[in-house]
Amino acid sequence: MTLQGKKIAILIAPRGTEEPEFVQPRDAVTKAGASVTVIGLEAGEAETVNNDLDPAGRYAVDATIEGASASDYDGLVIPGGCVGADKLRASKAVVAFVRDFFAQGKPVGVICHGPWTLVEADVVKGRTLTSFPTLQTDIRNAGGTWVDQEFVTDKGLVTSRNPKDLPAFCAKIVEEFAEGRHPDQARSV
């Protein structure tokens, strides 16, 4: 499956995004031919973590969220990490950016604690998704249906639970990004 000519955005939070949940999806869409833009809360570099606490790698931020537009991209990846996901959902600019992907019917891949950002963007109602298990009450309270599966696809949204699910998650986001817009996703906002 090729993503030649597709532009994919991936979010990263300073000192909090889970490294494998950032690196593996980024590498999967790049390998499939997409150009990837790393979008952060701050310019410069962002440090990832392993197991939410242990410092991991440092990655260049290609663009900051201020001024970023969903119109410039064909898809979005939201990695997890408890601290990183919490920092992302606290940003009004990130929340608006995420909501715009849904309004435009563009595919979005979200893993682990990343669905917190979806809850904050108010795009969960009427959807079925998965996440790290501790988010299930948040998802249900936001009007979604939570299931315990390796990944779930719902109207262009792909969600997954944790790093163990990354191979299946990465394959599915490449497929969804290749399919392109999902009109049902826009109607769900």
N, C-alpha and C. Protein backbone atom coordinates (compact mmCIF):
# COMPACT_ATOMS: atom_id res chain seq x y z
N MET A 1 0.86 -1.17 0.00
CA MET A 1 0.00 0.00 0.00
C MET A 1 0.90 1.23 0.00
N THR A 2 0.60 2.19 -0.85
CA THR A 2 1.47 3.36 -0.96
C THR A 2 0.77 4.62 -0.45
N LEU A 3 1.57 5.45 0.17
CA LEU A 3 1.10 6.76 0.63
C LEU A 3 1.83 7.87 -0.13
N GLN A 4 2.34 7.52 -1.31
CA GLN A 4 3.07 8.48 -2.14
C GLN A 4 2.22 9.74 -2.32
N GLY A 5 2.82 10.91 -2.05
CA GLY A 5 2.12 12.17 -2.21
C GLY A 5 1.27 12.58 -1.03
N LYS A 6 1.13 11.72 -0.03
CA LYS A 6 0.32 12.05 1.17
C LYS A 6 1.18 12.77 2.19
N LYS A 7 0.55 13.72 2.87
CA LYS A 7 1.21 14.46 3.96
C LYS A 7 0.53 14.08 5.26
N ILE A 8 1.32 13.57 6.18
CA ILE A 8 0.80 13.11 7.47
C ILE A 8 1.41 13.95 8.59
N ALA A 9 0.57 14.41 9.50
CA ALA A 9 1.02 15.12 10.69
C ALA A 9 1.08 14.14 11.85
N ILE A 10 2.10 14.28 12.69
CA ILE A 10 2.17 13.49 13.92
C ILE A 10 2.48 14.43 15.07
N LEU A 11 1.70 14.33 16.13
CA LEU A 11 1.88 15.21 17.28
C LEU A 11 2.94 14.65 18.22
N ILE A 12 3.61 15.56 18.90
CA ILE A 12 4.59 15.17 19.93
C ILE A 12 4.52 16.21 21.04
N ALA A 13 4.58 15.72 22.27
CA ALA A 13 4.57 16.61 23.44
C ALA A 13 5.95 16.58 24.08
N PRO A 14 6.39 17.70 24.63
CA PRO A 14 7.70 17.72 25.29
C PRO A 14 7.70 16.84 26.55
N ARG A 15 8.73 16.01 26.67
CA ARG A 15 8.90 15.17 27.85
C ARG A 15 7.63 14.42 28.23
N GLY A 16 7.10 13.64 27.27
CA GLY A 16 5.91 12.90 27.66
C GLY A 16 5.33 11.95 26.62
N THR A 17 5.66 12.12 25.34
CA THR A 17 5.14 11.21 24.32
C THR A 17 5.90 9.89 24.40
N GLU A 18 5.17 8.80 24.38
CA GLU A 18 5.76 7.47 24.47
C GLU A 18 6.54 7.17 23.19
N GLU A 19 7.84 6.91 23.32
CA GLU A 19 8.71 6.78 22.14
C GLU A 19 8.24 5.76 21.09
N PRO A 20 7.96 4.51 21.44
CA PRO A 20 7.57 3.58 20.37
C PRO A 20 6.26 3.99 19.69
N GLU A 21 5.39 4.65 20.40
CA GLU A 21 4.10 5.07 19.84
C GLU A 21 4.26 6.29 18.93
N PHE A 22 5.39 6.94 19.02
CA PHE A 22 5.73 8.03 18.10
C PHE A 22 6.55 7.49 16.93
N VAL A 23 7.62 6.76 17.24
CA VAL A 23 8.58 6.32 16.23
C VAL A 23 7.99 5.31 15.25
N GLN A 24 7.33 4.28 15.76
CA GLN A 24 6.85 3.23 14.87
C GLN A 24 5.78 3.70 13.88
N PRO A 25 4.76 4.46 14.30
CA PRO A 25 3.81 4.97 13.31
C PRO A 25 4.48 5.95 12.32
N ARG A 26 5.36 6.80 12.82
CA ARG A 26 6.07 7.73 11.94
C ARG A 26 6.84 6.96 10.87
N ASP A 27 7.57 5.93 11.30
CA ASP A 27 8.36 5.15 10.37
C ASP A 27 7.48 4.36 9.40
N ALA A 28 6.34 3.85 9.87
CA ALA A 28 5.45 3.08 9.00
C ALA A 28 4.88 3.93 7.87
N VAL A 29 4.44 5.14 8.18
CA VAL A 29 3.86 5.98 7.12
C VAL A 29 4.96 6.53 6.21
N THR A 30 6.13 6.77 6.75
CA THR A 30 7.26 7.22 5.93
C THR A 30 7.67 6.10 4.97
N LYS A 31 7.78 4.88 5.48
CA LYS A 31 8.15 3.73 4.66
C LYS A 31 7.13 3.51 3.53
N ALA A 32 5.86 3.85 3.80
CA ALA A 32 4.81 3.69 2.79
C ALA A 32 4.81 4.84 1.78
N GLY A 33 5.70 5.82 1.97
CA GLY A 33 5.86 6.89 0.99
C GLY A 33 5.33 8.25 1.37
N ALA A 34 4.75 8.39 2.56
CA ALA A 34 4.21 9.68 2.98
C ALA A 34 5.33 10.61 3.44
N SER A 35 5.07 11.91 3.35
CA SER A 35 5.95 12.87 4.01
C SER A 35 5.31 13.16 5.37
N VAL A 36 6.14 13.20 6.40
CA VAL A 36 5.65 13.35 7.76
C VAL A 36 6.14 14.67 8.34
N THR A 37 5.23 15.38 8.98
CA THR A 37 5.57 16.60 9.70
C THR A 37 5.33 16.36 11.19
N VAL A 38 6.38 16.54 11.99
CA VAL A 38 6.28 16.41 13.43
C VAL A 38 5.82 17.77 13.97
N ILE A 39 4.67 17.76 14.62
CA ILE A 39 4.09 19.00 15.15
C ILE A 39 4.13 18.96 16.67
N GLY A 40 4.78 19.95 17.25
CA GLY A 40 4.93 20.00 18.70
C GLY A 40 4.32 21.23 19.32
N LEU A 41 4.32 21.22 20.64
CA LEU A 41 3.82 22.37 21.39
C LEU A 41 4.85 23.48 21.43
N GLU A 42 6.13 23.09 21.29
CA GLU A 42 7.23 24.05 21.35
C GLU A 42 8.18 23.79 20.19
N ALA A 43 8.87 24.82 19.74
CA ALA A 43 9.87 24.68 18.68
C ALA A 43 11.11 23.97 19.23
N GLY A 44 11.93 23.47 18.32
CA GLY A 44 13.20 22.85 18.71
C GLY A 44 13.10 21.35 18.69
N GLU A 45 13.34 20.74 19.84
CA GLU A 45 13.29 19.29 19.98
C GLU A 45 12.32 18.92 21.09
N ALA A 46 11.78 17.71 20.98
CA ALA A 46 10.93 17.17 22.05
C ALA A 46 11.54 15.84 22.49
N GLU A 47 11.60 15.64 23.78
CA GLU A 47 12.13 14.40 24.32
C GLU A 47 10.98 13.43 24.57
N THR A 48 11.13 12.21 24.07
CA THR A 48 10.13 11.18 24.31
C THR A 48 10.50 10.41 25.57
N VAL A 49 9.58 9.52 25.97
CA VAL A 49 9.79 8.70 27.16
C VAL A 49 9.48 7.25 26.85
N ASN A 50 9.96 6.38 27.70
CA ASN A 50 9.58 4.97 27.69
C ASN A 50 8.91 4.67 29.02
N ASN A 51 7.80 3.95 28.97
CA ASN A 51 7.05 3.60 30.17
C ASN A 51 6.66 4.83 30.99
N ASP A 52 6.36 5.92 30.31
CA ASP A 52 5.90 7.18 30.89
C ASP A 52 6.92 7.92 31.75
N LEU A 53 7.99 7.27 32.18
CA LEU A 53 8.90 7.90 33.13
C LEU A 53 10.35 7.98 32.69
N ASP A 54 10.77 7.03 31.89
CA ASP A 54 12.19 6.93 31.54
C ASP A 54 12.50 7.75 30.29
N PRO A 55 13.48 8.67 30.38
CA PRO A 55 13.85 9.46 29.20
C PRO A 55 14.23 8.55 28.04
N ALA A 56 13.86 8.96 26.85
CA ALA A 56 14.17 8.17 25.65
C ALA A 56 14.90 9.06 24.65
N GLY A 57 14.40 9.17 23.43
CA GLY A 57 15.08 9.94 22.40
C GLY A 57 14.64 11.39 22.33
N ARG A 58 15.37 12.14 21.50
CA ARG A 58 15.03 13.54 21.23
C ARG A 58 14.75 13.65 19.74
N TYR A 59 13.67 14.35 19.40
CA TYR A 59 13.23 14.43 18.01
C TYR A 59 12.95 15.88 17.63
N ALA A 60 13.37 16.22 16.43
CA ALA A 60 13.15 17.58 15.92
C ALA A 60 11.67 17.83 15.71
N VAL A 61 11.24 19.00 16.11
CA VAL A 61 9.87 19.46 15.85
C VAL A 61 9.93 20.25 14.55
N ASP A 62 9.17 19.79 13.55
CA ASP A 62 9.18 20.45 12.24
C ASP A 62 8.34 21.72 12.23
N ALA A 63 7.26 21.73 13.02
CA ALA A 63 6.36 22.89 13.08
C ALA A 63 5.68 22.89 14.44
N THR A 64 5.35 24.08 14.92
CA THR A 64 4.61 24.15 16.18
C THR A 64 3.12 24.17 15.88
N ILE A 65 2.35 23.83 16.88
CA ILE A 65 0.90 23.74 16.72
C ILE A 65 0.28 25.10 16.39
N GLU A 66 0.90 26.15 16.89
CA GLU A 66 0.38 27.49 16.57
C GLU A 66 0.53 27.72 15.07
N GLY A 67 -0.56 27.93 14.41
CA GLY A 67 -0.52 28.16 12.97
C GLY A 67 -0.64 26.90 12.13
N ALA A 68 -0.60 25.71 12.76
CA ALA A 68 -0.77 24.46 12.01
C ALA A 68 -2.22 24.35 11.57
N SER A 69 -2.43 23.81 10.38
CA SER A 69 -3.78 23.68 9.83
C SER A 69 -4.02 22.26 9.32
N ALA A 70 -5.14 21.68 9.72
CA ALA A 70 -5.50 20.35 9.24
C ALA A 70 -5.63 20.34 7.73
N SER A 71 -5.94 21.46 7.13
CA SER A 71 -6.09 21.55 5.67
C SER A 71 -4.80 21.20 4.93
N ASP A 72 -3.66 21.31 5.60
CA ASP A 72 -2.36 21.04 4.98
C ASP A 72 -1.97 19.57 4.98
N TYR A 73 -2.79 18.71 5.61
CA TYR A 73 -2.42 17.31 5.79
C TYR A 73 -3.52 16.37 5.35
N ASP A 74 -3.11 15.14 5.03
CA ASP A 74 -4.05 14.09 4.61
C ASP A 74 -4.43 13.16 5.75
N GLY A 75 -3.69 13.21 6.85
CA GLY A 75 -3.97 12.35 7.99
C GLY A 75 -3.20 12.82 9.21
N LEU A 76 -3.59 12.28 10.36
CA LEU A 76 -3.00 12.68 11.64
C LEU A 76 -2.74 11.45 12.50
N VAL A 77 -1.58 11.44 13.19
CA VAL A 77 -1.27 10.42 14.18
C VAL A 77 -1.13 11.11 15.54
N ILE A 78 -1.82 10.55 16.54
CA ILE A 78 -1.71 11.05 17.91
C ILE A 78 -1.15 9.91 18.76
N PRO A 79 0.14 9.98 19.11
CA PRO A 79 0.73 8.94 19.95
C PRO A 79 0.25 9.08 21.39
N GLY A 80 0.56 8.07 22.17
CA GLY A 80 0.19 8.10 23.58
C GLY A 80 1.33 8.50 24.47
N GLY A 81 1.27 7.96 25.66
CA GLY A 81 2.11 8.40 26.76
C GLY A 81 1.21 9.20 27.67
N CYS A 82 1.07 8.80 28.89
CA CYS A 82 0.13 9.45 29.81
C CYS A 82 0.40 10.94 29.94
N VAL A 83 1.64 11.30 30.20
CA VAL A 83 2.00 12.72 30.38
C VAL A 83 1.86 13.48 29.06
N GLY A 84 2.35 12.88 27.97
CA GLY A 84 2.27 13.54 26.66
C GLY A 84 0.84 13.78 26.24
N ALA A 85 -0.01 12.77 26.39
CA ALA A 85 -1.42 12.93 26.00
C ALA A 85 -2.09 14.00 26.84
N ASP A 86 -1.75 14.07 28.12
CA ASP A 86 -2.34 15.09 28.98
C ASP A 86 -1.90 16.49 28.55
N LYS A 87 -0.63 16.63 28.17
CA LYS A 87 -0.13 17.93 27.69
C LYS A 87 -0.83 18.32 26.39
N LEU A 88 -1.02 17.35 25.49
CA LEU A 88 -1.67 17.66 24.21
C LEU A 88 -3.11 18.10 24.42
N ARG A 89 -3.85 17.38 25.26
CA ARG A 89 -5.26 17.74 25.44
C ARG A 89 -5.45 19.06 26.17
N ALA A 90 -4.41 19.52 26.86
CA ALA A 90 -4.48 20.80 27.56
C ALA A 90 -4.27 21.99 26.62
N SER A 91 -3.85 21.72 25.39
CA SER A 91 -3.59 22.79 24.43
C SER A 91 -4.84 23.05 23.58
N LYS A 92 -5.37 24.26 23.68
CA LYS A 92 -6.55 24.62 22.86
C LYS A 92 -6.24 24.52 21.38
N ALA A 93 -5.01 24.85 21.00
CA ALA A 93 -4.63 24.77 19.59
C ALA A 93 -4.61 23.33 19.10
N VAL A 94 -4.11 22.40 19.93
CA VAL A 94 -4.11 20.99 19.56
C VAL A 94 -5.53 20.48 19.44
N VAL A 95 -6.37 20.81 20.40
CA VAL A 95 -7.76 20.35 20.39
C VAL A 95 -8.47 20.85 19.12
N ALA A 96 -8.27 22.09 18.76
CA ALA A 96 -8.90 22.63 17.54
C ALA A 96 -8.34 21.94 16.29
N PHE A 97 -7.04 21.69 16.28
CA PHE A 97 -6.38 21.00 15.16
C PHE A 97 -6.99 19.60 14.98
N VAL A 98 -7.12 18.87 16.05
CA VAL A 98 -7.70 17.52 16.02
C VAL A 98 -9.15 17.59 15.53
N ARG A 99 -9.93 18.48 16.09
CA ARG A 99 -11.34 18.61 15.70
C ARG A 99 -11.46 18.91 14.21
N ASP A 100 -10.56 19.72 13.67
CA ASP A 100 -10.60 20.06 12.24
C ASP A 100 -10.36 18.84 11.35
N PHE A 101 -9.53 17.89 11.78
CA PHE A 101 -9.34 16.68 10.99
C PHE A 101 -10.66 15.92 10.87
N PHE A 102 -11.39 15.86 11.96
CA PHE A 102 -12.68 15.17 11.93
C PHE A 102 -13.69 15.94 11.08
N ALA A 103 -13.73 17.25 11.22
CA ALA A 103 -14.65 18.07 10.44
C ALA A 103 -14.39 17.94 8.94
N GLN A 104 -13.13 17.72 8.58
CA GLN A 104 -12.76 17.58 7.17
C GLN A 104 -12.81 16.13 6.69
N GLY A 105 -13.20 15.19 7.56
CA GLY A 105 -13.32 13.79 7.19
C GLY A 105 -12.01 13.11 6.89
N LYS A 106 -10.92 13.58 7.51
CA LYS A 106 -9.60 13.02 7.26
C LYS A 106 -9.27 11.95 8.29
N PRO A 107 -8.56 10.89 7.86
CA PRO A 107 -8.25 9.79 8.78
C PRO A 107 -7.30 10.20 9.90
N VAL A 108 -7.54 9.59 11.07
CA VAL A 108 -6.77 9.88 12.27
C VAL A 108 -6.44 8.56 12.95
N GLY A 109 -5.17 8.39 13.36
CA GLY A 109 -4.74 7.22 14.11
C GLY A 109 -4.32 7.65 15.51
N VAL A 110 -4.87 6.97 16.52
CA VAL A 110 -4.64 7.37 17.92
C VAL A 110 -4.38 6.11 18.75
N ILE A 111 -3.36 6.17 19.60
CA ILE A 111 -3.00 4.99 20.40
C ILE A 111 -2.83 5.33 21.87
N CYS A 112 -3.12 4.35 22.70
CA CYS A 112 -2.85 4.36 24.14
C CYS A 112 -3.64 5.45 24.86
N HIS A 113 -2.98 6.46 25.42
CA HIS A 113 -3.65 7.57 26.11
C HIS A 113 -4.05 8.69 25.15
N GLY A 114 -3.69 8.57 23.87
CA GLY A 114 -4.02 9.60 22.89
C GLY A 114 -5.51 9.93 22.80
N PRO A 115 -6.44 8.98 23.03
CA PRO A 115 -7.85 9.32 22.96
C PRO A 115 -8.32 10.40 23.94
N TRP A 116 -7.51 10.70 24.94
CA TRP A 116 -7.86 11.84 25.80
C TRP A 116 -8.04 13.11 24.96
N THR A 117 -7.20 13.25 23.95
CA THR A 117 -7.30 14.42 23.07
C THR A 117 -8.61 14.38 22.29
N LEU A 118 -9.06 13.19 21.90
CA LEU A 118 -10.34 13.05 21.20
C LEU A 118 -11.50 13.42 22.11
N VAL A 119 -11.42 13.01 23.37
CA VAL A 119 -12.46 13.37 24.34
C VAL A 119 -12.53 14.88 24.47
N GLU A 120 -11.37 15.51 24.60
CA GLU A 120 -11.31 16.97 24.74
C GLU A 120 -11.83 17.68 23.49
N ALA A 121 -11.60 17.09 22.32
CA ALA A 121 -12.06 17.68 21.06
C ALA A 121 -13.54 17.39 20.79
N ASP A 122 -14.17 16.62 21.65
CA ASP A 122 -15.59 16.30 21.55
C ASP A 122 -15.94 15.58 20.24
N VAL A 123 -15.12 14.57 19.89
CA VAL A 123 -15.36 13.81 18.66
C VAL A 123 -15.58 12.32 18.95
N VAL A 124 -15.86 11.96 20.20
CA VAL A 124 -15.99 10.57 20.59
C VAL A 124 -17.44 10.07 20.53
N LYS A 125 -18.38 10.95 20.73
CA LYS A 125 -19.80 10.56 20.83
C LYS A 125 -20.24 9.74 19.61
N GLY A 126 -20.84 8.59 19.89
CA GLY A 126 -21.35 7.74 18.84
C GLY A 126 -20.32 6.86 18.16
N ARG A 127 -19.10 6.87 18.64
CA ARG A 127 -18.02 6.07 18.03
C ARG A 127 -17.66 4.89 18.93
N THR A 128 -17.08 3.88 18.29
CA THR A 128 -16.50 2.75 19.01
C THR A 128 -15.00 2.87 18.89
N LEU A 129 -14.31 2.78 20.02
CA LEU A 129 -12.86 2.88 20.01
C LEU A 129 -12.25 2.09 21.14
N THR A 130 -10.94 1.97 21.08
CA THR A 130 -10.18 1.35 22.14
C THR A 130 -9.09 2.31 22.58
N SER A 131 -8.41 1.95 23.66
CA SER A 131 -7.38 2.82 24.23
C SER A 131 -6.68 2.03 25.32
N PHE A 132 -5.77 2.70 26.01
CA PHE A 132 -5.25 2.12 27.23
C PHE A 132 -6.47 1.93 28.15
N PRO A 133 -6.57 0.81 28.85
CA PRO A 133 -7.80 0.51 29.61
C PRO A 133 -8.26 1.57 30.59
N THR A 134 -7.35 2.35 31.16
CA THR A 134 -7.76 3.34 32.15
C THR A 134 -8.56 4.49 31.56
N LEU A 135 -8.64 4.59 30.25
CA LEU A 135 -9.42 5.66 29.61
C LEU A 135 -10.86 5.26 29.31
N GLN A 136 -11.22 4.00 29.57
CA GLN A 136 -12.53 3.54 29.15
C GLN A 136 -13.68 4.34 29.77
N THR A 137 -13.57 4.76 31.01
CA THR A 137 -14.64 5.55 31.63
C THR A 137 -14.72 6.93 30.98
N ASP A 138 -13.58 7.54 30.68
CA ASP A 138 -13.58 8.84 30.01
C ASP A 138 -14.26 8.73 28.64
N ILE A 139 -13.97 7.67 27.92
CA ILE A 139 -14.55 7.47 26.59
C ILE A 139 -16.05 7.26 26.70
N ARG A 140 -16.48 6.44 27.64
CA ARG A 140 -17.92 6.21 27.83
C ARG A 140 -18.63 7.50 28.26
N ASN A 141 -18.00 8.24 29.17
CA ASN A 141 -18.61 9.51 29.61
C ASN A 141 -18.72 10.52 28.48
N ALA A 142 -17.85 10.40 27.47
CA ALA A 142 -17.89 11.31 26.31
C ALA A 142 -18.85 10.80 25.23
N GLY A 143 -19.55 9.69 25.51
CA GLY A 143 -20.55 9.19 24.57
C GLY A 143 -20.06 8.12 23.62
N GLY A 144 -18.85 7.62 23.85
CA GLY A 144 -18.30 6.58 22.99
C GLY A 144 -18.51 5.20 23.58
N THR A 145 -18.25 4.20 22.78
CA THR A 145 -18.28 2.81 23.21
C THR A 145 -16.84 2.32 23.24
N TRP A 146 -16.40 1.82 24.39
CA TRP A 146 -15.03 1.34 24.54
C TRP A 146 -15.02 -0.17 24.42
N VAL A 147 -14.07 -0.70 23.66
CA VAL A 147 -13.88 -2.14 23.54
C VAL A 147 -12.40 -2.46 23.75
N ASP A 148 -12.14 -3.67 24.20
CA ASP A 148 -10.77 -4.12 24.45
C ASP A 148 -10.32 -4.97 23.26
N GLN A 149 -9.77 -4.30 22.24
CA GLN A 149 -9.29 -4.97 21.03
C GLN A 149 -7.95 -4.39 20.63
N GLU A 150 -7.22 -5.14 19.81
CA GLU A 150 -5.91 -4.71 19.33
C GLU A 150 -5.98 -3.36 18.63
N PHE A 151 -6.98 -3.19 17.79
CA PHE A 151 -7.28 -1.90 17.17
C PHE A 151 -8.75 -1.89 16.79
N VAL A 152 -9.28 -0.68 16.61
CA VAL A 152 -10.66 -0.49 16.16
C VAL A 152 -10.64 0.58 15.09
N THR A 153 -11.41 0.36 14.03
CA THR A 153 -11.58 1.37 12.98
C THR A 153 -13.03 1.80 12.98
N ASP A 154 -13.26 3.11 13.03
CA ASP A 154 -14.62 3.66 13.03
C ASP A 154 -14.62 4.95 12.23
N LYS A 155 -15.18 4.92 11.03
CA LYS A 155 -15.34 6.11 10.18
C LYS A 155 -14.02 6.86 9.99
N GLY A 156 -12.95 6.15 9.67
CA GLY A 156 -11.67 6.80 9.43
C GLY A 156 -10.81 7.01 10.65
N LEU A 157 -11.34 6.68 11.82
CA LEU A 157 -10.58 6.77 13.07
C LEU A 157 -10.06 5.39 13.42
N VAL A 158 -8.74 5.27 13.60
CA VAL A 158 -8.13 4.02 14.04
C VAL A 158 -7.60 4.25 15.45
N THR A 159 -8.03 3.41 16.39
CA THR A 159 -7.52 3.51 17.76
C THR A 159 -6.91 2.17 18.15
N SER A 160 -5.96 2.24 19.10
CA SER A 160 -5.27 1.05 19.56
C SER A 160 -4.91 1.22 21.03
N ARG A 161 -4.54 0.11 21.69
CA ARG A 161 -4.40 0.11 23.15
C ARG A 161 -3.04 0.50 23.69
N ASN A 162 -1.96 -0.08 23.13
CA ASN A 162 -0.65 0.07 23.77
C ASN A 162 0.46 -0.34 22.81
N PRO A 163 1.72 -0.21 23.22
CA PRO A 163 2.82 -0.54 22.32
C PRO A 163 2.80 -1.97 21.77
N LYS A 164 2.25 -2.93 22.51
CA LYS A 164 2.20 -4.30 22.01
C LYS A 164 1.35 -4.41 20.74
N ASP A 165 0.43 -3.47 20.56
CA ASP A 165 -0.48 -3.48 19.41
C ASP A 165 0.07 -2.71 18.21
N LEU A 166 1.26 -2.16 18.33
CA LEU A 166 1.79 -1.28 17.28
C LEU A 166 1.87 -1.91 15.89
N PRO A 167 2.29 -3.16 15.72
CA PRO A 167 2.33 -3.70 14.36
C PRO A 167 0.97 -3.64 13.65
N ALA A 168 -0.08 -4.07 14.33
CA ALA A 168 -1.43 -4.03 13.73
C ALA A 168 -1.90 -2.59 13.54
N PHE A 169 -1.65 -1.73 14.53
CA PHE A 169 -2.05 -0.33 14.45
C PHE A 169 -1.37 0.36 13.26
N CYS A 170 -0.08 0.16 13.13
CA CYS A 170 0.67 0.81 12.03
C CYS A 170 0.17 0.35 10.67
N ALA A 171 -0.09 -0.94 10.52
CA ALA A 171 -0.61 -1.44 9.24
C ALA A 171 -1.96 -0.83 8.93
N LYS A 172 -2.81 -0.70 9.95
CA LYS A 172 -4.16 -0.19 9.73
C LYS A 172 -4.15 1.32 9.42
N ILE A 173 -3.28 2.10 10.08
CA ILE A 173 -3.27 3.53 9.76
C ILE A 173 -2.76 3.77 8.34
N VAL A 174 -1.80 2.98 7.90
CA VAL A 174 -1.34 3.11 6.52
C VAL A 174 -2.50 2.85 5.57
N GLU A 175 -3.29 1.82 5.84
CA GLU A 175 -4.45 1.50 5.00
C GLU A 175 -5.47 2.65 5.01
N GLU A 176 -5.79 3.17 6.18
CA GLU A 176 -6.78 4.25 6.27
C GLU A 176 -6.27 5.53 5.62
N PHE A 177 -5.00 5.85 5.80
CA PHE A 177 -4.44 7.04 5.16
C PHE A 177 -4.47 6.88 3.64
N ALA A 178 -4.23 5.67 3.16
CA ALA A 178 -4.27 5.42 1.71
C ALA A 178 -5.69 5.60 1.17
N GLU A 179 -6.69 5.20 1.94
CA GLU A 179 -8.09 5.36 1.52
C GLU A 179 -8.48 6.83 1.41
N GLY A 180 -7.91 7.67 2.25
CA GLY A 180 -8.21 9.10 2.20
C GLY A 180 -9.41 9.49 3.02
N ARG A 181 -10.09 10.52 2.57
CA ARG A 181 -11.21 11.09 3.33
C ARG A 181 -12.31 10.07 3.56
N HIS A 182 -12.99 10.25 4.70
CA HIS A 182 -14.12 9.41 5.10
C HIS A 182 -15.29 10.36 5.39
N PRO A 183 -16.22 10.52 4.46
CA PRO A 183 -17.32 11.47 4.65
C PRO A 183 -18.11 11.24 5.95
N ASP A 184 -18.27 9.97 6.35
CA ASP A 184 -19.01 9.70 7.60
C ASP A 184 -18.31 10.31 8.80
N GLN A 185 -17.00 10.42 8.74
CA GLN A 185 -16.27 11.00 9.86
C GLN A 185 -16.65 12.47 10.02
N ALA A 186 -16.75 13.20 8.94
CA ALA A 186 -17.11 14.62 9.01
C ALA A 186 -18.50 14.80 9.59
N ARG A 187 -19.41 13.90 9.26
CA ARG A 187 -20.78 14.01 9.77
C ARG A 187 -20.87 13.69 11.25
N SER A 188 -19.85 13.07 11.81
CA SER A 188 -19.91 12.68 13.22
C SER A 188 -19.46 13.80 14.17
N VAL A 189 -19.00 14.91 13.62
CA VAL A 189 -18.52 16.00 14.49
C VAL A 189 -19.68 16.88 14.90
